[in-house]
Structure formats: structure tokens, C-alpha cells
Amino acid sequence: EHALLATVAMQKGYDGADDFEAAAAALDDNTIALGEAIGSVYGDAAEEQFLELWRQHIGFFVDYTVATAEDDQQARMAALESLDGYRQAFATFLGDANPEIDPSAVAEGLQMHVNQLT
């Protein structure tokens, strides 16, 4: 669901569509639901940390989308570098929360997510 909502929001942002704000709000509603799920398992502090990391990565996709729309290759590369940092930070977050989670596998899966959305 997140990937679909992110794709729609990115496309609407790229197009400058009138309903971009609604798409972005739907994406954030999904973010909140995911945060609540994390919090229900790992506690309030983990939920807050998740929300911060998750919203950051959405912002990096916004940066990428804006840079693409403006044909700014330097800004696109900066956004991709930020997304790479996010992959590592989020993988570490999950690995710290649950020792059964392999951070390298998470980072690899997130690379696929980044590739699909960009």
C-alpha cells in the first residue's frame, strides 16, 4: 500500500496536479498506521523513531521528484545519496529493535524499493 500511495503522490507532485495535497495526506495516513503497528510491537519510543525515519525517506523521494521535474541531475543524485543513508539507518533501526532481523537483508530490500519508485 505504501509503495502505491508513494507512486501516486510522486506522480501528482511531478505533474503539479491539483490533488497532490490529498495524495500526500493519504500517504501520511498510511505512515501513521505503519507507525502505530511498529509501536504496538516495540513501544512508543520505537514508533516515534519509525515515524521520523519514515517521513524523512518520503521527503527524500519528494526531493528526487522535484529534482527530476526540474531536470536537476545534481539534486537527483543528492536525493539518491540521502535515500541510501536512509536505507542503512532504517535497517539499523529494525535490527536494533529485533535481533531476528538481518539489517543487511533489510537494506537490500529497501534498495529494491528505492529502485522501483525512482
N, C-alpha and C. Protein backbone atom coordinates (compact mmCIF):
# COMPACT_ATOMS: atom_id res chain seq x y z
N GLU A 1 0.83 -1.19 0.00
CA GLU A 1 0.00 0.00 0.00
C GLU A 1 0.88 1.26 0.00
N HIS A 2 1.92 1.22 0.84
CA HIS A 2 2.80 2.39 0.91
C HIS A 2 3.40 2.71 -0.45
N ALA A 3 3.92 1.69 -1.13
CA ALA A 3 4.57 1.93 -2.42
C ALA A 3 3.58 2.50 -3.43
N LEU A 4 2.36 2.01 -3.44
CA LEU A 4 1.35 2.52 -4.36
C LEU A 4 1.02 3.98 -4.03
N LEU A 5 0.80 4.26 -2.76
CA LEU A 5 0.49 5.64 -2.37
C LEU A 5 1.65 6.57 -2.67
N ALA A 6 2.87 6.10 -2.45
CA ALA A 6 4.05 6.92 -2.75
C ALA A 6 4.16 7.19 -4.24
N THR A 7 3.90 6.17 -5.05
CA THR A 7 3.96 6.33 -6.51
C THR A 7 2.94 7.37 -6.97
N VAL A 8 1.73 7.27 -6.45
CA VAL A 8 0.68 8.23 -6.83
C VAL A 8 1.08 9.64 -6.40
N ALA A 9 1.56 9.78 -5.17
CA ALA A 9 1.94 11.11 -4.68
C ALA A 9 3.10 11.68 -5.50
N MET A 10 4.08 10.83 -5.82
CA MET A 10 5.22 11.31 -6.62
C MET A 10 4.76 11.77 -8.00
N GLN A 11 3.87 11.00 -8.62
CA GLN A 11 3.39 11.37 -9.95
C GLN A 11 2.59 12.67 -9.90
N LYS A 12 1.74 12.79 -8.89
CA LYS A 12 0.94 14.01 -8.76
C LYS A 12 1.84 15.21 -8.50
N GLY A 13 2.89 15.01 -7.68
CA GLY A 13 3.84 16.08 -7.43
C GLY A 13 4.59 16.47 -8.69
N TYR A 14 5.01 15.49 -9.43
CA TYR A 14 5.74 15.73 -10.68
C TYR A 14 4.87 16.51 -11.66
N ASP A 15 3.60 16.12 -11.74
CA ASP A 15 2.67 16.75 -12.67
C ASP A 15 2.14 18.09 -12.18
N GLY A 16 2.35 18.40 -10.89
CA GLY A 16 1.77 19.62 -10.33
C GLY A 16 0.26 19.53 -10.25
N ALA A 17 -0.25 18.32 -10.02
CA ALA A 17 -1.69 18.08 -10.01
C ALA A 17 -2.37 18.78 -8.84
N ASP A 18 -3.61 19.21 -9.07
CA ASP A 18 -4.39 19.90 -8.05
C ASP A 18 -4.63 19.03 -6.81
N ASP A 19 -4.68 17.72 -7.00
CA ASP A 19 -4.97 16.83 -5.88
C ASP A 19 -3.71 16.23 -5.24
N PHE A 20 -2.57 16.88 -5.47
CA PHE A 20 -1.34 16.41 -4.84
C PHE A 20 -1.45 16.38 -3.32
N GLU A 21 -1.99 17.43 -2.73
CA GLU A 21 -2.10 17.51 -1.27
C GLU A 21 -2.91 16.34 -0.72
N ALA A 22 -3.98 15.96 -1.40
CA ALA A 22 -4.80 14.83 -0.97
C ALA A 22 -3.99 13.53 -1.06
N ALA A 23 -3.22 13.39 -2.12
CA ALA A 23 -2.38 12.19 -2.27
C ALA A 23 -1.32 12.14 -1.19
N ALA A 24 -0.72 13.28 -0.89
CA ALA A 24 0.30 13.34 0.17
C ALA A 24 -0.33 13.03 1.53
N ALA A 25 -1.54 13.51 1.76
CA ALA A 25 -2.23 13.24 3.03
C ALA A 25 -2.54 11.75 3.17
N ALA A 26 -2.95 11.11 2.09
CA ALA A 26 -3.21 9.67 2.13
C ALA A 26 -1.93 8.90 2.43
N LEU A 27 -0.83 9.36 1.86
CA LEU A 27 0.46 8.73 2.13
C LEU A 27 0.83 8.89 3.60
N ASP A 28 0.60 10.07 4.17
CA ASP A 28 0.92 10.27 5.59
C ASP A 28 -0.01 9.48 6.49
N ASP A 29 -1.28 9.33 6.11
CA ASP A 29 -2.19 8.48 6.89
C ASP A 29 -1.65 7.05 6.95
N ASN A 30 -1.11 6.58 5.82
CA ASN A 30 -0.51 5.26 5.78
C ASN A 30 0.72 5.20 6.68
N THR A 31 1.52 6.27 6.68
CA THR A 31 2.69 6.35 7.53
C THR A 31 2.30 6.23 9.00
N ILE A 32 1.26 6.93 9.39
CA ILE A 32 0.78 6.88 10.77
C ILE A 32 0.34 5.47 11.14
N ALA A 33 -0.39 4.82 10.24
CA ALA A 33 -0.84 3.45 10.50
C ALA A 33 0.35 2.50 10.66
N LEU A 34 1.36 2.66 9.82
CA LEU A 34 2.56 1.83 9.94
C LEU A 34 3.26 2.11 11.27
N GLY A 35 3.34 3.38 11.64
CA GLY A 35 3.95 3.75 12.91
C GLY A 35 3.22 3.13 14.10
N GLU A 36 1.90 3.13 14.05
CA GLU A 36 1.11 2.52 15.12
C GLU A 36 1.37 1.02 15.20
N ALA A 37 1.53 0.38 14.06
CA ALA A 37 1.84 -1.05 14.05
C ALA A 37 3.21 -1.31 14.69
N ILE A 38 4.19 -0.49 14.34
CA ILE A 38 5.52 -0.62 14.94
C ILE A 38 5.43 -0.38 16.44
N GLY A 39 4.71 0.66 16.83
CA GLY A 39 4.57 0.98 18.24
C GLY A 39 3.87 -0.10 19.03
N SER A 40 2.92 -0.78 18.42
CA SER A 40 2.20 -1.84 19.13
C SER A 40 3.10 -3.02 19.46
N VAL A 41 4.18 -3.17 18.71
CA VAL A 41 5.11 -4.28 18.94
C VAL A 41 6.31 -3.82 19.77
N TYR A 42 6.89 -2.66 19.43
CA TYR A 42 8.16 -2.24 20.01
C TYR A 42 8.06 -1.05 20.97
N GLY A 43 6.89 -0.49 21.14
CA GLY A 43 6.71 0.59 22.10
C GLY A 43 6.67 1.98 21.47
N ASP A 44 6.32 2.94 22.32
CA ASP A 44 6.12 4.32 21.87
C ASP A 44 7.39 4.96 21.31
N ALA A 45 8.53 4.70 21.97
CA ALA A 45 9.78 5.31 21.50
C ALA A 45 10.12 4.81 20.10
N ALA A 46 9.91 3.52 19.86
CA ALA A 46 10.17 2.96 18.53
C ALA A 46 9.21 3.55 17.51
N GLU A 47 7.97 3.76 17.91
CA GLU A 47 7.00 4.36 16.99
C GLU A 47 7.45 5.76 16.58
N GLU A 48 7.90 6.55 17.55
CA GLU A 48 8.37 7.90 17.24
C GLU A 48 9.59 7.87 16.33
N GLN A 49 10.53 6.96 16.62
CA GLN A 49 11.72 6.85 15.79
C GLN A 49 11.35 6.39 14.38
N PHE A 50 10.44 5.43 14.30
CA PHE A 50 9.98 4.97 12.99
C PHE A 50 9.39 6.13 12.19
N LEU A 51 8.49 6.89 12.81
CA LEU A 51 7.83 7.99 12.10
C LEU A 51 8.84 9.01 11.59
N GLU A 52 9.84 9.30 12.41
CA GLU A 52 10.87 10.25 11.97
C GLU A 52 11.63 9.72 10.76
N LEU A 53 12.09 8.48 10.85
CA LEU A 53 12.83 7.88 9.73
C LEU A 53 11.97 7.75 8.49
N TRP A 54 10.74 7.29 8.66
CA TRP A 54 9.85 7.04 7.53
C TRP A 54 9.50 8.33 6.81
N ARG A 55 9.18 9.36 7.59
CA ARG A 55 8.84 10.64 6.97
C ARG A 55 10.06 11.25 6.28
N GLN A 56 11.25 11.03 6.85
CA GLN A 56 12.46 11.50 6.19
C GLN A 56 12.59 10.88 4.81
N HIS A 57 12.39 9.58 4.73
CA HIS A 57 12.58 8.91 3.44
C HIS A 57 11.55 9.37 2.42
N ILE A 58 10.35 9.66 2.89
CA ILE A 58 9.34 10.22 1.98
C ILE A 58 9.81 11.58 1.47
N GLY A 59 10.38 12.37 2.37
CA GLY A 59 10.94 13.67 1.96
C GLY A 59 12.05 13.53 0.94
N PHE A 60 12.86 12.49 1.07
CA PHE A 60 13.93 12.26 0.09
C PHE A 60 13.34 11.90 -1.28
N PHE A 61 12.24 11.17 -1.28
CA PHE A 61 11.57 10.88 -2.55
C PHE A 61 10.96 12.15 -3.15
N VAL A 62 10.46 13.04 -2.28
CA VAL A 62 9.95 14.34 -2.76
C VAL A 62 11.11 15.12 -3.39
N ASP A 63 12.26 15.14 -2.71
CA ASP A 63 13.42 15.82 -3.26
C ASP A 63 13.79 15.27 -4.64
N TYR A 64 13.75 13.95 -4.76
CA TYR A 64 14.07 13.30 -6.03
C TYR A 64 13.06 13.71 -7.11
N THR A 65 11.79 13.72 -6.74
CA THR A 65 10.74 14.07 -7.69
C THR A 65 10.88 15.51 -8.17
N VAL A 66 11.11 16.42 -7.24
CA VAL A 66 11.29 17.83 -7.60
C VAL A 66 12.51 17.98 -8.51
N ALA A 67 13.60 17.33 -8.16
CA ALA A 67 14.82 17.42 -8.97
C ALA A 67 14.59 16.85 -10.36
N THR A 68 13.82 15.79 -10.46
CA THR A 68 13.50 15.20 -11.76
C THR A 68 12.66 16.16 -12.58
N ALA A 69 11.66 16.75 -11.95
CA ALA A 69 10.79 17.69 -12.66
C ALA A 69 11.57 18.91 -13.15
N GLU A 70 12.58 19.30 -12.38
CA GLU A 70 13.38 20.47 -12.73
C GLU A 70 14.63 20.10 -13.55
N ASP A 71 14.76 18.82 -13.86
CA ASP A 71 15.91 18.30 -14.61
C ASP A 71 17.23 18.72 -13.96
N ASP A 72 17.28 18.55 -12.64
CA ASP A 72 18.46 18.92 -11.86
C ASP A 72 19.18 17.64 -11.44
N GLN A 73 20.15 17.24 -12.24
CA GLN A 73 20.85 15.98 -12.01
C GLN A 73 21.60 15.97 -10.67
N GLN A 74 22.19 17.08 -10.30
CA GLN A 74 22.92 17.16 -9.04
C GLN A 74 21.97 16.93 -7.85
N ALA A 75 20.82 17.54 -7.88
CA ALA A 75 19.85 17.37 -6.79
C ALA A 75 19.29 15.95 -6.78
N ARG A 76 19.11 15.37 -7.95
CA ARG A 76 18.66 13.96 -8.02
C ARG A 76 19.68 13.05 -7.35
N MET A 77 20.95 13.26 -7.65
CA MET A 77 22.00 12.44 -7.05
C MET A 77 22.05 12.64 -5.54
N ALA A 78 21.85 13.87 -5.10
CA ALA A 78 21.84 14.14 -3.66
C ALA A 78 20.67 13.41 -2.98
N ALA A 79 19.53 13.41 -3.63
CA ALA A 79 18.37 12.70 -3.08
C ALA A 79 18.63 11.21 -3.01
N LEU A 80 19.27 10.66 -4.04
CA LEU A 80 19.60 9.23 -4.03
C LEU A 80 20.60 8.91 -2.92
N GLU A 81 21.55 9.80 -2.69
CA GLU A 81 22.50 9.60 -1.59
C GLU A 81 21.78 9.64 -0.25
N SER A 82 20.83 10.54 -0.11
CA SER A 82 20.04 10.60 1.12
C SER A 82 19.23 9.32 1.31
N LEU A 83 18.66 8.82 0.24
CA LEU A 83 17.91 7.56 0.31
C LEU A 83 18.82 6.40 0.69
N ASP A 84 20.05 6.42 0.22
CA ASP A 84 20.99 5.38 0.58
C ASP A 84 21.29 5.44 2.08
N GLY A 85 21.47 6.63 2.60
CA GLY A 85 21.68 6.78 4.04
C GLY A 85 20.47 6.31 4.83
N TYR A 86 19.29 6.62 4.31
CA TYR A 86 18.05 6.16 4.95
C TYR A 86 18.00 4.63 5.01
N ARG A 87 18.35 3.99 3.92
CA ARG A 87 18.32 2.52 3.87
C ARG A 87 19.13 1.94 5.02
N GLN A 88 20.31 2.50 5.21
CA GLN A 88 21.19 2.00 6.27
C GLN A 88 20.61 2.32 7.66
N ALA A 89 20.13 3.52 7.84
CA ALA A 89 19.58 3.93 9.14
C ALA A 89 18.35 3.11 9.50
N PHE A 90 17.47 2.89 8.53
CA PHE A 90 16.25 2.14 8.81
C PHE A 90 16.56 0.67 9.07
N ALA A 91 17.52 0.13 8.33
CA ALA A 91 17.92 -1.26 8.55
C ALA A 91 18.50 -1.43 9.95
N THR A 92 19.30 -0.47 10.37
CA THR A 92 19.86 -0.50 11.72
C THR A 92 18.76 -0.39 12.76
N PHE A 93 17.81 0.50 12.55
CA PHE A 93 16.67 0.67 13.46
C PHE A 93 15.95 -0.67 13.65
N LEU A 94 15.62 -1.34 12.56
CA LEU A 94 14.90 -2.61 12.67
C LEU A 94 15.75 -3.69 13.32
N GLY A 95 17.04 -3.73 12.97
CA GLY A 95 17.93 -4.71 13.57
C GLY A 95 18.10 -4.49 15.07
N ASP A 96 18.15 -3.24 15.48
CA ASP A 96 18.25 -2.93 16.91
C ASP A 96 16.95 -3.29 17.64
N ALA A 97 15.82 -3.10 16.98
CA ALA A 97 14.53 -3.39 17.59
C ALA A 97 14.31 -4.89 17.76
N ASN A 98 14.83 -5.65 16.81
CA ASN A 98 14.58 -7.09 16.81
C ASN A 98 15.82 -7.81 16.31
N PRO A 99 16.51 -8.53 17.19
CA PRO A 99 17.74 -9.20 16.79
C PRO A 99 17.53 -10.32 15.76
N GLU A 100 16.30 -10.69 15.51
CA GLU A 100 16.00 -11.71 14.50
C GLU A 100 15.98 -11.11 13.09
N ILE A 101 16.04 -9.80 13.00
CA ILE A 101 16.01 -9.12 11.70
C ILE A 101 17.45 -8.88 11.25
N ASP A 102 17.73 -9.26 10.03
CA ASP A 102 19.06 -9.07 9.43
C ASP A 102 19.10 -7.70 8.75
N PRO A 103 19.83 -6.73 9.33
CA PRO A 103 19.88 -5.39 8.74
C PRO A 103 20.35 -5.38 7.29
N SER A 104 21.27 -6.24 6.92
CA SER A 104 21.74 -6.23 5.53
C SER A 104 20.64 -6.66 4.57
N ALA A 105 19.80 -7.60 5.00
CA ALA A 105 18.68 -8.02 4.15
C ALA A 105 17.66 -6.89 4.02
N VAL A 106 17.43 -6.16 5.11
CA VAL A 106 16.51 -5.03 5.07
C VAL A 106 17.04 -3.96 4.13
N ALA A 107 18.32 -3.63 4.25
CA ALA A 107 18.92 -2.61 3.39
C ALA A 107 18.82 -3.01 1.92
N GLU A 108 19.04 -4.29 1.65
CA GLU A 108 18.93 -4.78 0.27
C GLU A 108 17.50 -4.66 -0.24
N GLY A 109 16.54 -5.04 0.58
CA GLY A 109 15.13 -4.91 0.19
C GLY A 109 14.73 -3.47 -0.03
N LEU A 110 15.25 -2.58 0.79
CA LEU A 110 14.94 -1.16 0.62
C LEU A 110 15.56 -0.60 -0.66
N GLN A 111 16.68 -1.16 -1.08
CA GLN A 111 17.26 -0.72 -2.35
C GLN A 111 16.31 -1.03 -3.50
N MET A 112 15.66 -2.18 -3.43
CA MET A 112 14.68 -2.54 -4.45
C MET A 112 13.52 -1.54 -4.43
N HIS A 113 13.09 -1.14 -3.24
CA HIS A 113 12.02 -0.16 -3.07
C HIS A 113 12.43 1.17 -3.71
N VAL A 114 13.64 1.62 -3.41
CA VAL A 114 14.15 2.87 -3.98
C VAL A 114 14.20 2.77 -5.51
N ASN A 115 14.71 1.67 -6.01
CA ASN A 115 14.81 1.48 -7.45
C ASN A 115 13.43 1.51 -8.12
N GLN A 116 12.47 0.87 -7.50
CA GLN A 116 11.13 0.83 -8.08
C GLN A 116 10.50 2.21 -8.13
N LEU A 117 10.65 2.97 -7.06
CA LEU A 117 10.00 4.28 -7.02
C LEU A 117 10.72 5.33 -7.85
N THR A 118 12.02 5.20 -8.01
CA THR A 118 12.74 6.19 -8.78
C THR A 118 12.78 5.79 -10.24
